PDB file of N, CA and C in Angstrom:
ATOM      1  N   MET A   1      -0.561  33.798  24.837  1.00  0.00           N
ATOM      2  CA  MET A   1      -0.118  33.152  23.472  1.00  0.00           C
ATOM      3  C   MET A   1      -0.444  31.705  23.431  1.00  0.00           C
ATOM      4  N   ARG A   2      -0.071  31.038  24.480  1.00  0.00           N
ATOM      5  CA  ARG A   2      -0.278  29.581  24.557  1.00  0.00           C
ATOM      6  C   ARG A   2      -1.785  29.291  24.503  1.00  0.00           C
ATOM      7  N   ARG A   3      -2.536  29.967  25.187  1.00  0.00           N
ATOM      8  CA  ARG A   3      -4.053  29.760  25.305  1.00  0.00           C
ATOM      9  C   ARG A   3      -4.558  30.084  23.881  1.00  0.00           C
ATOM     10  N   LYS A   4      -4.052  31.084  23.211  1.00  0.00           N
ATOM     11  CA  LYS A   4      -4.673  31.414  21.912  1.00  0.00           C
ATOM     12  C   LYS A   4      -4.295  30.338  20.893  1.00  0.00           C
ATOM     13  N   ARG A   5      -3.084  29.745  20.909  1.00  0.00           N
ATOM     14  CA  ARG A   5      -2.616  28.708  20.031  1.00  0.00           C
ATOM     15  C   ARG A   5      -3.469  27.592  20.368  1.00  0.00           C
ATOM     16  N   LYS A   6      -3.809  27.186  21.654  1.00  0.00           N
ATOM     17  CA  LYS A   6      -4.547  25.961  21.974  1.00  0.00           C
ATOM     18  C   LYS A   6      -5.887  26.128  21.555  1.00  0.00           C
ATOM     19  N   ALA A   7      -6.406  27.269  21.623  1.00  0.00           N
ATOM     20  CA  ALA A   7      -7.827  27.618  21.267  1.00  0.00           C
ATOM     21  C   ALA A   7      -7.995  27.377  19.782  1.00  0.00           C
ATOM     22  N   ILE A   8      -6.927  27.775  18.951  1.00  0.00           N
ATOM     23  CA  ILE A   8      -7.012  27.639  17.503  1.00  0.00           C
ATOM     24  C   ILE A   8      -6.884  26.233  17.084  1.00  0.00           C
ATOM     25  N   ARG A   9      -5.924  25.505  17.718  1.00  0.00           N
ATOM     26  CA  ARG A   9      -5.813  24.070  17.602  1.00  0.00           C
ATOM     27  C   ARG A   9      -7.049  23.275  17.859  1.00  0.00           C
ATOM     28  N   ASP A  10      -7.587  23.586  19.049  1.00  0.00           N
ATOM     29  CA  ASP A  10      -8.774  22.801  19.509  1.00  0.00           C
ATOM     30  C   ASP A  10      -9.997  23.104  18.427  1.00  0.00           C
ATOM     31  N   GLU A  11     -10.075  24.382  18.088  1.00  0.00           N
ATOM     32  CA  GLU A  11     -11.115  24.792  17.000  1.00  0.00           C
ATOM     33  C   GLU A  11     -10.917  23.939  15.776  1.00  0.00           C
ATOM     34  N   LYS A  12      -9.689  23.826  15.196  1.00  0.00           N
ATOM     35  CA  LYS A  12      -9.316  23.060  13.993  1.00  0.00           C
ATOM     36  C   LYS A  12      -9.664  21.668  14.216  1.00  0.00           C
ATOM     37  N   GLN A  13      -9.270  20.999  15.335  1.00  0.00           N
ATOM     38  CA  GLN A  13      -9.600  19.721  15.565  1.00  0.00           C
ATOM     39  C   GLN A  13     -11.002  19.271  15.557  1.00  0.00           C
ATOM     40  N   SER A  14     -11.810  20.247  16.130  1.00  0.00           N
ATOM     41  CA  SER A  14     -13.241  20.019  16.303  1.00  0.00           C
ATOM     42  C   SER A  14     -13.874  20.138  14.961  1.00  0.00           C
ATOM     43  N   ARG A  15     -13.438  21.014  14.188  1.00  0.00           N
ATOM     44  CA  ARG A  15     -14.018  21.147  12.799  1.00  0.00           C
ATOM     45  C   ARG A  15     -13.736  19.818  11.950  1.00  0.00           C
ATOM     46  N   VAL A  16     -12.515  19.233  12.053  1.00  0.00           N
ATOM     47  CA  VAL A  16     -12.114  18.105  11.259  1.00  0.00           C
ATOM     48  C   VAL A  16     -13.007  16.897  11.756  1.00  0.00           C
ATOM     49  N   VAL A  17     -13.219  16.694  12.999  1.00  0.00           N
ATOM     50  CA  VAL A  17     -13.996  15.572  13.497  1.00  0.00           C
ATOM     51  C   VAL A  17     -15.471  15.608  13.242  1.00  0.00           C
ATOM     52  N   GLN A  18     -16.011  16.855  13.251  1.00  0.00           N
ATOM     53  CA  GLN A  18     -17.419  17.150  13.182  1.00  0.00           C
ATOM     54  C   GLN A  18     -17.918  17.132  11.723  1.00  0.00           C
ATOM     55  N   LEU A  19     -17.020  17.367  10.771  1.00  0.00           N
ATOM     56  CA  LEU A  19     -17.500  17.476   9.331  1.00  0.00           C
ATOM     57  C   LEU A  19     -17.416  16.067   8.663  1.00  0.00           C
ATOM     58  N   PRO A  20     -18.638  15.485   8.451  1.00  0.00           N
ATOM     59  CA  PRO A  20     -18.785  14.208   7.755  1.00  0.00           C
ATOM     60  C   PRO A  20     -18.506  14.404   6.199  1.00  0.00           C
ATOM     61  N   ASN A  21     -17.894  13.419   5.583  1.00  0.00           N
ATOM     62  CA  ASN A  21     -17.696  13.450   4.182  1.00  0.00           C
ATOM     63  C   ASN A  21     -18.925  12.883   3.447  1.00  0.00           C
ATOM     64  N   LYS A  22     -18.896  12.873   2.145  1.00  0.00           N
ATOM     65  CA  LYS A  22     -20.081  12.494   1.465  1.00  0.00           C
ATOM     66  C   LYS A  22     -20.456  11.083   1.628  1.00  0.00           C
ATOM     67  N   TYR A  23     -19.581  10.212   2.253  1.00  0.00           N
ATOM     68  CA  TYR A  23     -19.996   8.822   2.564  1.00  0.00           C
ATOM     69  C   TYR A  23     -20.595   8.757   4.064  1.00  0.00           C
ATOM     70  N   GLY A  24     -20.653   9.839   4.731  1.00  0.00           N
ATOM     71  CA  GLY A  24     -21.110   9.837   5.986  1.00  0.00           C
ATOM     72  C   GLY A  24     -20.052   9.354   7.044  1.00  0.00           C
ATOM     73  N   VAL A  25     -18.882   9.291   6.652  1.00  0.00           N
ATOM     74  CA  VAL A  25     -17.777   8.828   7.595  1.00  0.00           C
ATOM     75  C   VAL A  25     -17.025  10.095   8.197  1.00  0.00           C
ATOM     76  N   LYS A  26     -16.951  10.140   9.440  1.00  0.00           N
ATOM     77  CA  LYS A  26     -16.361  11.202  10.113  1.00  0.00           C
ATOM     78  C   LYS A  26     -14.847  11.339  10.093  1.00  0.00           C
ATOM     79  N   ASN A  27     -14.182  10.104  10.225  1.00  0.00           N
ATOM     80  CA  ASN A  27     -12.666  10.232  10.090  1.00  0.00           C
ATOM     81  C   ASN A  27     -12.164   8.918   9.493  1.00  0.00           C
ATOM     82  N   SER A  28     -10.834   8.918   9.340  1.00  0.00           N
ATOM     83  CA  SER A  28     -10.262   7.689   8.690  1.00  0.00           C
ATOM     84  C   SER A  28     -10.365   6.498   9.472  1.00  0.00           C
ATOM     85  N   ALA A  29     -10.251   6.628  10.792  1.00  0.00           N
ATOM     86  CA  ALA A  29     -10.355   5.428  11.706  1.00  0.00           C
ATOM     87  C   ALA A  29     -11.715   4.736  11.497  1.00  0.00           C
ATOM     88  N   GLU A  30     -12.678   5.449  11.325  1.00  0.00           N
ATOM     89  CA  GLU A  30     -14.089   4.999  11.266  1.00  0.00           C
ATOM     90  C   GLU A  30     -14.202   4.310   9.880  1.00  0.00           C
ATOM     91  N   MET A  31     -13.551   4.909   8.858  1.00  0.00           N
ATOM     92  CA  MET A  31     -13.561   4.353   7.425  1.00  0.00           C
ATOM     93  C   MET A  31     -12.936   3.097   7.297  1.00  0.00           C
ATOM     94  N   MET A  32     -11.804   2.932   8.106  1.00  0.00           N
ATOM     95  CA  MET A  32     -10.905   1.726   7.944  1.00  0.00           C
ATOM     96  C   MET A  32     -11.334   0.587   8.873  1.00  0.00           C
ATOM     97  N   LYS A  33     -12.322   0.807   9.644  1.00  0.00           N
ATOM     98  CA  LYS A  33     -12.636  -0.224  10.726  1.00  0.00           C
ATOM     99  C   LYS A  33     -13.086  -1.475  10.042  1.00  0.00           C
ATOM    100  N   ASN A  34     -13.740  -1.431   8.887  1.00  0.00           N
ATOM    101  CA  ASN A  34     -14.362  -2.613   8.118  1.00  0.00           C
ATOM    102  C   ASN A  34     -13.368  -3.039   7.047  1.00  0.00           C
ATOM    103  N   HIS A  35     -12.217  -2.502   6.952  1.00  0.00           N
ATOM    104  CA  HIS A  35     -11.219  -2.831   5.952  1.00  0.00           C
ATOM    105  C   HIS A  35     -10.558  -4.224   6.213  1.00  0.00           C
ATOM    106  N   VAL A  36     -10.618  -5.016   5.201  1.00  0.00           N
ATOM    107  CA  VAL A  36      -9.938  -6.323   5.373  1.00  0.00           C
ATOM    108  C   VAL A  36      -8.727  -6.303   4.446  1.00  0.00           C
ATOM    109  N   GLU A  37      -7.486  -6.513   5.060  1.00  0.00           N
ATOM    110  CA  GLU A  37      -6.362  -6.516   4.156  1.00  0.00           C
ATOM    111  C   GLU A  37      -6.311  -7.864   3.252  1.00  0.00           C
ATOM    112  N   PRO A  38      -6.010  -7.635   1.907  1.00  0.00           N
ATOM    113  CA  PRO A  38      -5.917  -8.743   1.021  1.00  0.00           C
ATOM    114  C   PRO A  38      -4.940  -9.711   1.412  1.00  0.00           C
ATOM    115  N   GLN A  39      -5.229 -11.049   1.248  1.00  0.00           N
ATOM    116  CA  GLN A  39      -4.269 -12.083   1.747  1.00  0.00           C
ATOM    117  C   GLN A  39      -2.874 -11.949   1.098  1.00  0.00           C
ATOM    118  N   ILE A  40      -2.844 -11.546  -0.175  1.00  0.00           N
ATOM    119  CA  ILE A  40      -1.584 -11.446  -0.859  1.00  0.00           C
ATOM    120  C   ILE A  40      -0.715 -10.430  -0.154  1.00  0.00           C
ATOM    121  N   ASN A  41      -1.240  -9.363   0.229  1.00  0.00           N
ATOM    122  CA  ASN A  41      -0.448  -8.347   0.978  1.00  0.00           C
ATOM    123  C   ASN A  41       0.033  -8.889   2.352  1.00  0.00           C
ATOM    124  N   ILE A  42      -0.696  -9.653   3.032  1.00  0.00           N
ATOM    125  CA  ILE A  42      -0.318 -10.234   4.330  1.00  0.00           C
ATOM    126  C   ILE A  42       0.825 -11.192   4.077  1.00  0.00           C
ATOM    127  N   ASP A  43       0.688 -12.000   2.967  1.00  0.00           N
ATOM    128  CA  ASP A  43       1.829 -13.027   2.706  1.00  0.00           C
ATOM    129  C   ASP A  43       3.010 -12.322   2.209  1.00  0.00           C
ATOM    130  N   MET A  44       2.873 -11.157   1.498  1.00  0.00           N
ATOM    131  CA  MET A  44       4.079 -10.352   1.060  1.00  0.00           C
ATOM    132  C   MET A  44       4.789  -9.781   2.369  1.00  0.00           C
ATOM    133  N   GLU A  45       4.120  -9.284   3.229  1.00  0.00           N
ATOM    134  CA  GLU A  45       4.633  -8.706   4.485  1.00  0.00           C
ATOM    135  C   GLU A  45       5.405  -9.874   5.303  1.00  0.00           C
ATOM    136  N   LYS A  46       4.762 -10.948   5.394  1.00  0.00           N
ATOM    137  CA  LYS A  46       5.445 -12.063   6.062  1.00  0.00           C
ATOM    138  C   LYS A  46       6.752 -12.424   5.469  1.00  0.00           C
ATOM    139  N   ALA A  47       6.800 -12.637   4.048  1.00  0.00           N
ATOM    140  CA  ALA A  47       7.865 -12.853   3.333  1.00  0.00           C
ATOM    141  C   ALA A  47       9.047 -11.805   3.407  1.00  0.00           C
ATOM    142  N   ARG A  48       8.579 -10.565   3.370  1.00  0.00           N
ATOM    143  CA  ARG A  48       9.571  -9.426   3.581  1.00  0.00           C
ATOM    144  C   ARG A  48      10.170  -9.585   4.921  1.00  0.00           C
ATOM    145  N   ASP A  49       9.377  -9.752   6.041  1.00  0.00           N
ATOM    146  CA  ASP A  49       9.943  -9.867   7.398  1.00  0.00           C
ATOM    147  C   ASP A  49      11.017 -10.946   7.554  1.00  0.00           C
ATOM    148  N   LYS A  50      10.667 -12.173   6.804  1.00  0.00           N
ATOM    149  CA  LYS A  50      11.569 -13.335   6.827  1.00  0.00           C
ATOM    150  C   LYS A  50      12.727 -13.153   5.888  1.00  0.00           C
ATOM    151  N   GLN A  51      12.708 -12.073   4.970  1.00  0.00           N
ATOM    152  CA  GLN A  51      13.608 -11.798   4.021  1.00  0.00           C
ATOM    153  C   GLN A  51      13.651 -13.031   2.948  1.00  0.00           C
ATOM    154  N   ASP A  52      12.478 -13.528   2.738  1.00  0.00           N
ATOM    155  CA  ASP A  52      12.246 -14.546   1.683  1.00  0.00           C
ATOM    156  C   ASP A  52      11.933 -13.755   0.367  1.00  0.00           C
ATOM    157  N   TRP A  53      12.965 -13.390  -0.315  1.00  0.00           N
ATOM    158  CA  TRP A  53      12.941 -12.446  -1.407  1.00  0.00           C
ATOM    159  C   TRP A  53      12.269 -13.238  -2.569  1.00  0.00           C
ATOM    160  N   PHE A  54      12.368 -14.522  -2.776  1.00  0.00           N
ATOM    161  CA  PHE A  54      11.804 -15.208  -3.867  1.00  0.00           C
ATOM    162  C   PHE A  54      10.272 -15.219  -3.695  1.00  0.00           C
ATOM    163  N   THR A  55       9.742 -15.536  -2.540  1.00  0.00           N
ATOM    164  CA  THR A  55       8.330 -15.494  -2.369  1.00  0.00           C
ATOM    165  C   THR A  55       7.777 -14.047  -2.529  1.00  0.00           C
ATOM    166  N   TYR A  56       8.537 -13.167  -1.961  1.00  0.00           N
ATOM    167  CA  TYR A  56       8.126 -11.740  -1.920  1.00  0.00           C
ATOM    168  C   TYR A  56       7.959 -11.204  -3.403  1.00  0.00           C
ATOM    169  N   TYR A  57       8.910 -11.447  -4.183  1.00  0.00           N
ATOM    170  CA  TYR A  57       8.828 -10.856  -5.545  1.00  0.00           C
ATOM    171  C   TYR A  57       7.890 -11.690  -6.502  1.00  0.00           C
ATOM    172  N   THR A  58       7.765 -13.045  -6.193  1.00  0.00           N
ATOM    173  CA  THR A  58       6.710 -13.769  -6.862  1.00  0.00           C
ATOM    174  C   THR A  58       5.341 -13.193  -6.542  1.00  0.00           C
ATOM    175  N   LEU A  59       5.136 -12.994  -5.374  1.00  0.00           N
ATOM    176  CA  LEU A  59       3.824 -12.386  -5.027  1.00  0.00           C
ATOM    177  C   LEU A  59       3.588 -11.002  -5.527  1.00  0.00           C
ATOM    178  N   TYR A  60       4.694 -10.186  -5.483  1.00  0.00           N
ATOM    179  CA  TYR A  60       4.592  -8.800  -5.976  1.00  0.00           C
ATOM    180  C   TYR A  60       4.183  -8.786  -7.618  1.00  0.00           C
ATOM    181  N   LYS A  61       4.911  -9.696  -8.299  1.00  0.00           N
ATOM    182  CA  LYS A  61       4.532  -9.829  -9.727  1.00  0.00           C
ATOM    183  C   LYS A  61       3.096 -10.368  -9.866  1.00  0.00           C
ATOM    184  N   GLN A  62       2.626 -11.303  -9.206  1.00  0.00           N
ATOM    185  CA  GLN A  62       1.288 -11.795  -9.128  1.00  0.00           C
ATOM    186  C   GLN A  62       0.246 -10.673  -8.841  1.00  0.00           C
ATOM    187  N   ARG A  63       0.626  -9.828  -7.799  1.00  0.00           N
ATOM    188  CA  ARG A  63      -0.371  -8.824  -7.496  1.00  0.00           C
ATOM    189  C   ARG A  63      -0.490  -7.742  -8.506  1.00  0.00           C
ATOM    190  N   CYS A  64       0.676  -7.422  -9.189  1.00  0.00           N
ATOM    191  CA  CYS A  64       0.663  -6.398 -10.288  1.00  0.00           C
ATOM    192  C   CYS A  64      -0.204  -6.893 -11.538  1.00  0.00           C
ATOM    193  N   ILE A  65       0.035  -8.223 -11.817  1.00  0.00           N
ATOM    194  CA  ILE A  65      -0.647  -8.876 -12.905  1.00  0.00           C
ATOM    195  C   ILE A  65      -2.196  -8.976 -12.545  1.00  0.00           C
ATOM    196  N   GLU A  66      -2.551  -9.307 -11.455  1.00  0.00           N
ATOM    197  CA  GLU A  66      -3.919  -9.385 -11.039  1.00  0.00           C
ATOM    198  C   GLU A  66      -4.712  -8.021 -11.090  1.00  0.00           C
ATOM    199  N   ASN A  67      -3.829  -7.027 -10.674  1.00  0.00           N
ATOM    200  CA  ASN A  67      -4.420  -5.653 -10.585  1.00  0.00           C
ATOM    201  C   ASN A  67      -4.618  -5.164 -12.062  1.00  0.00           C
ATOM    202  N   GLU A  68      -3.674  -5.502 -13.002  1.00  0.00           N
ATOM    203  CA  GLU A  68      -3.909  -5.171 -14.398  1.00  0.00           C
ATOM    204  C   GLU A  68      -5.129  -5.863 -14.978  1.00  0.00           C
ATOM    205  N   GLN A  69      -5.260  -7.067 -14.678  1.00  0.00           N
ATOM    206  CA  GLN A  69      -6.411  -7.844 -15.271  1.00  0.00           C
ATOM    207  C   GLN A  69      -7.659  -7.312 -14.761  1.00  0.00           C
ATOM    208  N   GLU A  70      -7.740  -6.879 -13.396  1.00  0.00           N
ATOM    209  CA  GLU A  70      -8.879  -6.447 -12.911  1.00  0.00           C
ATOM    210  C   GLU A  70      -9.266  -5.036 -13.553  1.00  0.00           C
ATOM    211  N   TRP A  71      -8.377  -4.219 -13.948  1.00  0.00           N
ATOM    212  CA  TRP A  71      -8.603  -2.920 -14.484  1.00  0.00           C
ATOM    213  C   TRP A  71      -8.545  -2.976 -16.122  1.00  0.00           C
ATOM    214  N   GLY A  72      -8.153  -3.998 -16.672  1.00  0.00           N
ATOM    215  CA  GLY A  72      -8.117  -4.142 -18.155  1.00  0.00           C
ATOM    216  C   GLY A  72      -7.092  -3.393 -18.818  1.00  0.00           C
ATOM    217  N   TYR A  73      -5.914  -3.317 -18.203  1.00  0.00           N
ATOM    218  CA  TYR A  73      -4.871  -2.609 -18.891  1.00  0.00           C
ATOM    219  C   TYR A  73      -3.477  -3.305 -18.494  1.00  0.00           C
ATOM    220  N   GLN A  74      -2.480  -3.089 -19.272  1.00  0.00           N
ATOM    221  CA  GLN A  74      -1.162  -3.517 -19.002  1.00  0.00           C
ATOM    222  C   GLN A  74      -0.238  -2.300 -18.870  1.00  0.00           C
ATOM    223  N   GLY A  75       0.243  -2.106 -17.595  1.00  0.00           N
ATOM    224  CA  GLY A  75       1.164  -0.932 -17.342  1.00  0.00           C
ATOM    225  C   GLY A  75       2.545  -1.455 -17.439  1.00  0.00           C
ATOM    226  N   VAL A  76       3.486  -0.563 -17.125  1.00  0.00           N
ATOM    227  CA  VAL A  76       4.797  -0.753 -17.011  1.00  0.00           C
ATOM    228  C   VAL A  76       5.301  -0.481 -15.611  1.00  0.00           C
ATOM    229  N   HIS A  77       5.869  -1.589 -15.045  1.00  0.00           N
ATOM    230  CA  HIS A  77       6.219  -1.528 -13.671  1.00  0.00           C
ATOM    231  C   HIS A  77       7.747  -1.956 -13.626  1.00  0.00           C
ATOM    232  N   PHE A  78       8.560  -0.967 -13.153  1.00  0.00           N
ATOM    233  CA  PHE A  78      10.043  -1.345 -12.996  1.00  0.00           C
ATOM    234  C   PHE A  78      10.344  -1.375 -11.456  1.00  0.00           C
ATOM    235  N   VAL A  79      11.122  -2.421 -11.029  1.00  0.00           N
ATOM    236  CA  VAL A  79      11.698  -2.526  -9.862  1.00  0.00           C
ATOM    237  C   VAL A  79      13.171  -2.654  -9.897  1.00  0.00           C
ATOM    238  N   SER A  80      14.004  -1.697  -9.570  1.00  0.00           N
ATOM    239  CA  SER A  80      15.340  -1.681  -9.632  1.00  0.00           C
ATOM    240  C   SER A  80      15.867  -1.886 -11.042  1.00  0.00           C
ATOM    241  N   GLY A  81      15.137  -1.284 -11.975  1.00  0.00           N
ATOM    242  CA  GLY A  81      15.438  -1.319 -13.456  1.00  0.00           C
ATOM    243  C   GLY A  81      14.955  -2.542 -14.184  1.00  0.00           C
ATOM    244  N   ILE A  82      14.305  -3.352 -13.448  1.00  0.00           N
ATOM    245  CA  ILE A  82      13.836  -4.641 -14.032  1.00  0.00           C
ATOM    246  C   ILE A  82      12.261  -4.623 -14.154  1.00  0.00           C
ATOM    247  N   GLU A  83      11.760  -4.894 -15.425  1.00  0.00           N
ATOM    248  CA  GLU A  83      10.381  -4.877 -15.696  1.00  0.00           C
ATOM    249  C   GLU A  83       9.632  -6.126 -15.066  1.00  0.00           C
ATOM    250  N   VAL A  84       8.529  -5.822 -14.413  1.00  0.00           N
ATOM    251  CA  VAL A  84       7.722  -6.831 -13.827  1.00  0.00           C
ATOM    252  C   VAL A  84       7.280  -7.876 -14.725  1.00  0.00           C
ATOM    253  N   HIS A  85       6.944  -7.529 -15.999  1.00  0.00           N
ATOM    254  CA  HIS A  85       6.426  -8.573 -17.030  1.00  0.00           C
ATOM    255  C   HIS A  85       7.489  -9.408 -17.612  1.00  0.00           C
ATOM    256  N   ASP A  86       8.750  -9.141 -17.260  1.00  0.00           N
ATOM    257  CA  ASP A  86       9.799 -10.002 -17.745  1.00  0.00           C
ATOM    258  C   ASP A  86       9.597 -11.438 -17.209  1.00  0.00           C
ATOM    259  N   GLU A  87       9.938 -12.370 -18.080  1.00  0.00           N
ATOM    260  CA  GLU A  87       9.705 -13.852 -17.681  1.00  0.00           C
ATOM    261  C   GLU A  87      10.578 -14.263 -16.501  1.00  0.00           C
ATOM    262  N   ARG A  88      11.716 -13.611 -16.492  1.00  0.00           N
ATOM    263  CA  ARG A  88      12.833 -13.985 -15.467  1.00  0.00           C
ATOM    264  C   ARG A  88      12.867 -12.872 -14.400  1.00  0.00           C
ATOM    265  N   PHE A  89      11.782 -12.072 -14.110  1.00  0.00           N
ATOM    266  CA  PHE A  89      11.774 -10.997 -13.207  1.00  0.00           C
ATOM    267  C   PHE A  89      12.275 -11.478 -11.805  1.00  0.00           C
ATOM    268  N   VAL A  90      11.679 -12.587 -11.258  1.00  0.00           N
ATOM    269  CA  VAL A  90      12.111 -12.981  -9.918  1.00  0.00           C
ATOM    270  C   VAL A  90      13.624 -13.359  -9.909  1.00  0.00           C
ATOM    271  N   GLU A  91      14.053 -14.111 -10.948  1.00  0.00           N
ATOM    272  CA  GLU A  91      15.470 -14.527 -10.911  1.00  0.00           C
ATOM    273  C   GLU A  91      16.383 -13.351 -11.068  1.00  0.00           C
ATOM    274  N   LEU A  92      16.082 -12.319 -11.845  1.00  0.00           N
ATOM    275  CA  LEU A  92      16.848 -11.212 -12.016  1.00  0.00           C
ATOM    276  C   LEU A  92      16.859 -10.353 -10.693  1.00  0.00           C
ATOM    277  N   MET A  93      15.774 -10.315  -9.965  1.00  0.00           N
ATOM    278  CA  MET A  93      15.743  -9.564  -8.757  1.00  0.00           C
ATOM    279  C   MET A  93      16.528 -10.300  -7.722  1.00  0.00           C
ATOM    280  N   LEU A  94      16.604 -11.555  -7.694  1.00  0.00           N
ATOM    281  CA  LEU A  94      17.491 -12.208  -6.725  1.00  0.00           C
ATOM    282  C   LEU A  94      18.916 -12.050  -6.972  1.00  0.00           C
ATOM    283  N   GLU A  95      19.317 -12.026  -8.305  1.00  0.00           N
ATOM    284  CA  GLU A  95      20.601 -11.746  -8.705  1.00  0.00           C
ATOM    285  C   GLU A  95      21.023 -10.295  -8.325  1.00  0.00           C
ATOM    286  N   LYS A  96      20.036  -9.418  -8.501  1.00  0.00           N
ATOM    287  CA  LYS A  96      20.299  -7.980  -8.128  1.00  0.00           C
ATOM    288  C   LYS A  96      20.552  -7.859  -6.590  1.00  0.00           C
ATOM    289  N   ILE A  97      19.817  -8.597  -5.775  1.00  0.00           N
ATOM    290  CA  ILE A  97      19.813  -8.514  -4.346  1.00  0.00           C
ATOM    291  C   ILE A  97      21.328  -9.121  -3.964  1.00  0.00           C
ATOM    292  N   ASP A  98      21.728 -10.149  -4.698  1.00  0.00           N
ATOM    293  CA  ASP A  98      22.915 -10.836  -4.234  1.00  0.00           C
ATOM    294  C   ASP A  98      24.160  -9.934  -4.587  1.00  0.00           C
ATOM    295  N   GLU A  99      24.007  -8.976  -5.438  1.00  0.00           N
ATOM    296  CA  GLU A  99      25.142  -8.154  -5.890  1.00  0.00           C
ATOM    297  C   GLU A  99      25.687  -7.248  -4.737  1.00  0.00           C
TER     298      GLU A  99
END
């Protein structure tokens, strides 16, 4: 039984690795090796780790607005019931955190 399960598992793994997708990439690790994380995401992660919520939510708002400008639409983004496009978004989020 164990040998049969191992053979099935090995066969499935070999199929996944050997089948290239339409971009010629065999797996996600190969696809991600040239990926460069945007600086705004790095800064947001650092702010979150330091629990610097003012910087984090300021960058979050900036990232949402830049993404909308890039794609040419304005969406609706709520964080804890507060809309990102609100002028006082960061202040309201800080008040919410303090509660």
